[in-house]
């Protein structure tokens, strides 16, 4: 099954409001040296957050991008060899591939044979610092696969923790590394799956214990795939919940689960399946427009704000997950 979901308009009712100041950190998106944003948070029984900030987060547009390069003081002593630093992708028919962003080419690793439930297919993927793939299947289980030969085993992850069913995934380093954390973006629209709705929002999974911890839910964005960076930032590729089909890239606040700032991508259609990776200072979007029936690779380069289709997968290939080591080039 491909990653196809519908966007829906969600209305939020707030009670017992608490105002909390919230600022932005440095990175690709702009600093907030002036007054910070404000989070309006419902009481614990409601578990809903809405954010307003000085840039008009709700009524206007989130802050624009800042193209400054990331810090260089990132731990790299434990980084693997160059092959493990490529972007890896998984298709809806179980094929694991590597993608070299510098050359714009794919290499087939092989068809993985994970011990998934009959009929279950890959849904999303993340790659850890060592270059090992973690693949979520439609049976809600996470499997660990070698990116060198495709060998695959089940992880100890217990499905549907806090009702997170299917989600996008991405690893992020903690304080520049080498430790890292797996973040997930849940969605309550499992359209066409016949499954009960799952939880939406941002959560983290401890890669040692596989315990899921809920962080928060920004009601503005939906159907997100995630990617992380070696200097500890988390980004999402998603659409809004306003019912329109445009795509966006945004930096996710790891404390609240809210979008700090975003780049509108009106020419990029999520389509039948989508995935996301950060490599060499650029963002790579894997998406399959409904009119084409195969995955395109579109690059957004923050340094000059260009959006360009740089490659395409073989005809009929639908990529549903992508991941890259946080040791990969940062600029």
Protein backbone atom coordinates (compact mmCIF):
# COMPACT_ATOMS: atom_id res chain seq x y z
CA UNK A 1 0.00 0.00 0.00
CA UNK A 2 1.32 3.41 -0.85
CA UNK A 3 1.33 6.33 1.55
CA UNK A 4 -1.92 7.93 0.42
CA UNK A 5 -4.00 9.86 2.87
CA UNK A 6 -6.48 12.68 2.65
CA UNK A 7 -6.16 16.08 4.30
CA UNK A 8 -9.03 17.17 6.51
CA UNK A 9 -10.06 20.40 8.16
CA UNK A 10 -9.81 20.04 11.90
CA UNK A 11 -11.46 22.45 14.28
CA UNK A 12 -9.93 22.97 17.72
CA UNK A 13 -11.81 23.81 20.90
CA UNK A 14 -9.66 25.24 23.71
CA UNK A 15 -10.45 25.30 27.40
CA UNK A 16 -8.48 26.21 30.56
CA UNK A 17 -5.88 28.12 28.52
CA UNK A 18 -2.30 28.59 29.71
CA UNK A 19 0.07 31.03 27.95
CA UNK A 20 3.71 29.98 27.61
CA UNK A 21 6.51 31.92 25.87
CA UNK A 22 8.30 29.98 23.15
CA UNK A 23 11.31 30.93 21.00
CA UNK A 24 13.16 29.49 18.02
CA UNK A 25 16.71 28.22 17.88
CA UNK A 26 19.26 28.91 15.18
CA UNK A 27 19.48 26.81 12.03
CA UNK A 28 18.02 26.98 8.56
CA UNK A 29 15.06 28.90 9.83
CA UNK A 30 15.30 32.38 11.34
CA UNK A 31 16.06 33.20 14.95
CA UNK A 32 13.53 34.97 17.12
CA UNK A 33 15.68 37.43 19.01
CA UNK A 34 12.67 39.60 19.78
CA UNK A 35 9.49 38.51 21.53
CA UNK A 36 9.04 34.78 21.37
CA UNK A 37 6.01 32.94 20.12
CA UNK A 38 3.14 32.01 22.37
CA UNK A 39 1.70 28.57 22.85
CA UNK A 40 -1.90 28.38 23.98
CA UNK A 41 -2.23 25.05 25.67
CA UNK A 42 -5.38 23.32 26.81
CA UNK A 43 -5.45 21.42 30.09
CA UNK A 44 -4.15 17.87 30.21
CA UNK A 45 -7.60 16.35 29.70
CA UNK A 46 -7.91 18.05 26.31
CA UNK A 47 -4.31 17.52 25.06
CA UNK A 48 -4.53 20.14 22.31
CA UNK A 49 -2.08 22.93 21.45
CA UNK A 50 -2.36 25.90 19.16
CA UNK A 51 0.57 28.24 18.57
CA UNK A 52 0.55 31.95 17.79
CA UNK A 53 3.82 33.78 17.25
CA UNK A 54 5.15 37.21 16.36
CA UNK A 55 5.15 36.33 12.67
CA UNK A 56 1.44 35.49 12.68
CA UNK A 57 1.72 31.69 12.77
CA UNK A 58 -2.02 31.10 12.77
CA UNK A 59 -3.41 34.09 10.88
CA UNK A 60 -0.45 34.62 8.53
CA UNK A 61 2.55 32.68 7.33
CA UNK A 62 5.24 30.98 9.46
CA UNK A 63 8.71 32.59 9.43
CA UNK A 64 10.69 32.22 6.19
CA UNK A 65 13.87 30.27 5.70
CA UNK A 66 17.35 31.25 6.81
CA UNK A 67 19.98 29.79 4.46
CA UNK A 68 22.90 29.95 6.86
CA UNK A 69 24.87 26.66 7.00
CA UNK A 70 24.61 24.46 10.10
CA UNK A 71 27.28 24.51 12.83
CA UNK A 72 30.43 22.50 12.11
CA UNK A 73 31.04 21.17 15.63
CA UNK A 74 29.29 17.84 15.02
CA UNK A 75 30.69 14.58 16.41
CA UNK A 76 31.89 12.36 13.54
CA UNK A 77 34.45 9.96 15.07
CA UNK A 78 32.01 7.04 14.91
CA UNK A 79 30.73 7.69 11.38
CA UNK A 80 30.66 4.71 8.97
CA UNK A 81 32.20 4.50 5.50
CA UNK A 82 30.90 6.50 2.57
CA UNK A 83 28.48 3.85 1.24
CA UNK A 84 26.49 4.06 4.48
CA UNK A 85 26.14 7.82 4.04
CA UNK A 86 23.98 7.66 0.91
CA UNK A 87 20.22 8.15 0.99
CA UNK A 88 18.34 4.84 1.16
CA UNK A 89 14.81 4.29 -0.11
CA UNK A 90 12.16 1.59 0.19
CA UNK A 91 9.39 0.96 -2.34
CA UNK A 92 5.85 -0.27 -1.84
CA UNK A 93 6.93 -3.61 -3.35
CA UNK A 94 9.71 -4.15 -0.76
CA UNK A 95 12.72 -3.07 -2.85
CA UNK A 96 15.56 -1.41 -0.93
CA UNK A 97 17.73 0.99 -2.95
CA UNK A 98 20.48 3.52 -2.38
CA UNK A 99 20.30 6.96 -3.96
CA UNK A 100 23.43 9.03 -4.55
CA UNK A 101 22.33 12.69 -4.45
CA UNK A 102 25.61 13.90 -5.96
CA UNK A 103 25.19 11.72 -9.06
CA UNK A 104 21.39 11.50 -9.11
CA UNK A 105 21.52 7.71 -9.49
CA UNK A 106 19.96 4.67 -7.80
CA UNK A 107 21.55 1.33 -6.94
CA UNK A 108 19.42 -1.69 -6.14
CA UNK A 109 20.26 -3.37 -2.81
CA UNK A 110 17.59 -6.02 -3.18
CA UNK A 111 14.12 -7.07 -2.18
CA UNK A 112 13.87 -7.28 1.60
CA UNK A 113 12.15 -10.22 3.28
CA UNK A 114 11.08 -8.92 6.67
CA UNK A 115 9.03 -11.28 8.90
CA UNK A 116 5.94 -9.10 8.52
CA UNK A 117 2.31 -10.19 8.61
CA UNK A 118 0.90 -11.64 5.37
CA UNK A 119 -0.02 -8.84 3.00
CA UNK A 120 1.81 -6.15 4.99
CA UNK A 121 3.91 -3.72 2.97
CA UNK A 122 6.46 -0.98 3.78
CA UNK A 123 4.93 2.33 4.88
CA UNK A 124 7.87 4.54 5.90
CA UNK A 125 11.56 4.30 6.76
CA UNK A 126 14.39 5.96 8.69
CA UNK A 127 18.13 5.22 8.70
CA UNK A 128 20.22 5.46 11.84
CA UNK A 129 23.70 6.89 12.30
CA UNK A 130 25.40 3.58 11.45
CA UNK A 131 23.45 3.21 8.20
CA UNK A 132 20.89 0.64 9.39
CA UNK A 133 17.34 1.00 8.06
CA UNK A 134 14.26 0.96 10.29
CA UNK A 135 11.13 0.23 8.28
CA UNK A 136 7.54 0.61 9.46
CA UNK A 137 5.17 -1.82 7.75
CA UNK A 138 1.40 -1.60 7.44
CA UNK A 139 1.11 -4.18 10.24
CA UNK A 140 2.27 -1.36 12.61
CA UNK A 141 5.58 -3.13 13.35
CA UNK A 142 9.08 -1.72 12.89
CA UNK A 143 11.72 -3.93 11.25
CA UNK A 144 15.49 -3.45 11.11
CA UNK A 145 17.21 -4.02 7.74
CA UNK A 146 20.82 -3.98 6.59
CA UNK A 147 21.46 -1.40 3.88
CA UNK A 148 24.30 -3.53 2.54
CA UNK A 149 22.42 -6.78 1.85
CA UNK A 150 18.78 -6.22 2.88
CA UNK A 151 18.77 -8.78 5.72
CA UNK A 152 15.81 -7.96 7.96
CA UNK A 153 14.62 -8.75 11.49
CA UNK A 154 11.79 -7.54 13.71
CA UNK A 155 12.57 -4.96 16.43
CA UNK A 156 11.16 -5.05 20.00
CA UNK A 157 8.85 -2.13 19.16
CA UNK A 158 5.33 -2.78 20.51
CA UNK A 159 2.77 -1.58 17.92
CA UNK A 160 0.21 1.14 18.59
CA UNK A 161 1.85 2.65 21.65
CA UNK A 162 -0.28 5.67 22.63
CA UNK A 163 -2.37 4.62 19.59
CA UNK A 164 0.34 5.67 17.11
CA UNK A 165 -0.38 3.30 14.23
CA UNK A 166 1.32 4.43 11.01
CA UNK A 167 3.75 7.30 10.87
CA UNK A 168 6.65 9.00 9.13
CA UNK A 169 10.08 8.58 10.78
CA UNK A 170 13.45 10.30 11.05
CA UNK A 171 16.56 10.07 13.26
CA UNK A 172 18.05 13.20 14.85
CA UNK A 173 21.30 13.48 16.81
CA UNK A 174 21.18 14.66 20.40
CA UNK A 175 23.47 17.64 21.07
CA UNK A 176 25.49 16.99 17.92
CA UNK A 177 25.91 13.25 18.50
CA UNK A 178 26.79 10.51 18.68
CA UNK A 179 23.56 9.64 20.52
CA UNK A 180 20.40 10.00 18.49
CA UNK A 181 16.64 9.74 18.83
CA UNK A 182 13.98 8.46 16.44
CA UNK A 183 11.10 10.87 15.85
CA UNK A 184 7.77 9.88 14.33
CA UNK A 185 4.86 11.84 12.86
CA UNK A 186 1.52 10.12 13.33
CA UNK A 187 -1.59 10.72 11.28
CA UNK A 188 -5.20 9.82 12.09
CA UNK A 189 -6.15 9.44 8.41
CA UNK A 190 -5.58 5.82 7.43
CA UNK A 191 -7.82 6.17 4.41
CA UNK A 192 -8.53 2.96 2.55
CA UNK A 193 -6.69 0.80 5.06
CA UNK A 194 -9.74 -0.48 6.91
CA UNK A 195 -7.93 0.16 10.18
CA UNK A 196 -9.13 2.13 13.19
CA UNK A 197 -7.78 5.66 13.17
CA UNK A 198 -4.44 6.12 14.87
CA UNK A 199 -3.08 9.01 16.88
CA UNK A 200 -1.66 12.07 15.12
CA UNK A 201 1.17 14.39 16.12
CA UNK A 202 4.88 14.14 16.90
CA UNK A 203 6.40 11.51 19.20
CA UNK A 204 9.85 10.08 19.84
CA UNK A 205 11.00 6.47 20.09
CA UNK A 206 14.02 5.48 22.18
CA UNK A 207 16.18 3.34 19.82
CA UNK A 208 17.34 1.18 22.75
CA UNK A 209 14.04 0.45 24.52
CA UNK A 210 11.67 1.24 21.63
CA UNK A 211 9.38 3.07 24.02
CA UNK A 212 7.28 5.78 22.37
CA UNK A 213 6.83 9.16 24.07
CA UNK A 214 4.20 11.60 22.81
CA UNK A 215 5.46 15.18 22.32
CA UNK A 216 2.66 17.25 20.78
CA UNK A 217 0.42 17.92 17.82
CA UNK A 218 0.47 20.94 15.52
CA UNK A 219 -3.03 21.02 13.98
CA UNK A 220 -1.74 22.82 10.86
CA UNK A 221 0.17 19.97 9.24
CA UNK A 222 -0.70 16.48 8.09
CA UNK A 223 0.67 13.34 6.40
CA UNK A 224 4.26 14.16 7.33
CA UNK A 225 7.50 12.38 6.57
CA UNK A 226 10.53 13.32 8.67
CA UNK A 227 14.27 13.75 8.29
CA UNK A 228 16.95 14.76 10.78
CA UNK A 229 20.36 16.40 10.66
CA UNK A 230 23.72 15.74 12.27
CA UNK A 231 23.53 18.98 14.23
CA UNK A 232 20.26 18.00 15.87
CA UNK A 233 17.45 19.53 13.79
CA UNK A 234 14.20 17.85 12.76
CA UNK A 235 12.35 18.64 9.52
CA UNK A 236 9.05 17.50 8.03
CA UNK A 237 7.69 17.18 4.49
CA UNK A 238 3.91 17.49 4.62
CA UNK A 239 0.71 19.16 3.54
CA UNK A 240 -1.61 21.38 5.51
CA UNK A 241 -4.87 20.25 7.09
CA UNK A 242 -6.85 22.91 5.20
CA UNK A 243 -7.94 20.54 2.47
CA UNK A 244 -5.54 21.84 -0.21
CA UNK A 245 -2.90 19.68 -1.86
CA UNK A 246 0.19 21.90 -1.73
CA UNK A 247 3.34 20.58 -0.06
CA UNK A 248 5.58 22.20 2.55
CA UNK A 249 8.90 21.67 4.30
CA UNK A 250 9.11 22.87 7.88
CA UNK A 251 11.41 22.67 10.88
CA UNK A 252 9.77 20.87 13.80
CA UNK A 253 10.18 22.09 17.38
CA UNK A 254 11.27 18.95 19.22
CA UNK A 255 9.86 20.19 22.53
CA UNK A 256 6.32 20.99 21.35
CA UNK A 257 5.86 19.16 18.04
CA UNK A 258 4.99 22.44 16.31
CA UNK A 259 6.32 23.81 13.04
CA UNK A 260 8.84 26.61 13.69
CA UNK A 261 8.92 27.85 10.10
CA UNK A 262 8.25 26.48 6.65
CA UNK A 263 8.80 26.71 2.90
CA UNK A 264 5.74 26.47 0.66
CA UNK A 265 6.22 24.13 -2.34
CA UNK A 266 3.16 24.70 -4.57
CA UNK A 267 4.62 22.73 -7.52
CA UNK A 268 5.39 19.56 -5.52
CA UNK A 269 2.54 17.03 -5.27
CA UNK A 270 2.80 14.32 -2.61
CA UNK A 271 0.84 11.99 -4.87
CA UNK A 272 0.70 8.22 -4.45
CA UNK A 273 3.69 7.90 -2.14
CA UNK A 274 6.28 10.21 -0.62
CA UNK A 275 9.48 10.27 1.40
CA UNK A 276 12.07 12.80 2.54
CA UNK A 277 15.81 13.14 3.25
CA UNK A 278 18.39 15.83 4.06
CA UNK A 279 21.82 15.50 2.43
CA UNK A 280 24.62 17.96 1.68
CA UNK A 281 22.67 20.98 2.87
CA UNK A 282 19.74 20.21 0.55
CA UNK A 283 16.36 18.55 1.00
CA UNK A 284 15.32 15.69 -1.28
CA UNK A 285 11.64 14.95 -1.74
CA UNK A 286 10.60 11.60 -3.21
CA UNK A 287 7.05 11.93 -4.51
CA UNK A 288 4.85 10.20 -7.08
CA UNK A 289 2.40 12.59 -8.77
CA UNK A 290 -0.84 10.86 -9.69
CA UNK A 291 -0.43 11.84 -13.35
CA UNK A 292 2.95 10.10 -13.64
CA UNK A 293 2.65 6.86 -11.66
CA UNK A 294 6.30 6.80 -10.63
CA UNK A 295 8.49 8.60 -8.13
CA UNK A 296 10.22 11.87 -8.93
CA UNK A 297 13.10 13.23 -6.85
CA UNK A 298 12.81 16.97 -6.29
CA UNK A 299 15.54 18.93 -4.55
CA UNK A 300 15.02 22.11 -2.58
CA UNK A 301 18.29 24.00 -2.06
CA UNK A 302 17.93 26.54 0.78
CA UNK A 303 21.17 28.33 -0.17
CA UNK A 304 19.61 29.79 -3.32
CA UNK A 305 15.96 28.80 -2.74
CA UNK A 306 15.75 26.73 -5.92
CA UNK A 307 13.35 23.82 -6.42
CA UNK A 308 14.39 21.37 -9.13
CA UNK A 309 13.51 17.83 -10.21
CA UNK A 310 16.90 16.10 -10.28
CA UNK A 311 16.06 12.44 -10.94
CA UNK A 312 13.28 9.91 -11.38
CA UNK A 313 12.82 6.32 -10.31
CA UNK A 314 12.19 3.56 -12.88
CA UNK A 315 8.64 3.51 -14.35
CA UNK A 316 6.09 2.10 -11.92
CA UNK A 317 8.38 2.50 -8.91
CA UNK A 318 6.64 4.08 -5.91
CA UNK A 319 9.00 5.06 -3.09
CA UNK A 320 7.23 5.18 0.28
CA UNK A 321 10.17 5.67 2.63
CA UNK A 322 13.64 7.21 2.69
CA UNK A 323 16.37 7.67 5.25
CA UNK A 324 19.94 8.84 5.61
CA UNK A 325 22.57 8.63 8.33
CA UNK A 326 23.02 11.74 10.46
CA UNK A 327 26.71 11.34 9.56
CA UNK A 328 25.91 12.26 5.96
CA UNK A 329 27.31 15.54 4.58
CA UNK A 330 25.67 18.59 6.16
CA UNK A 331 26.67 21.15 3.53
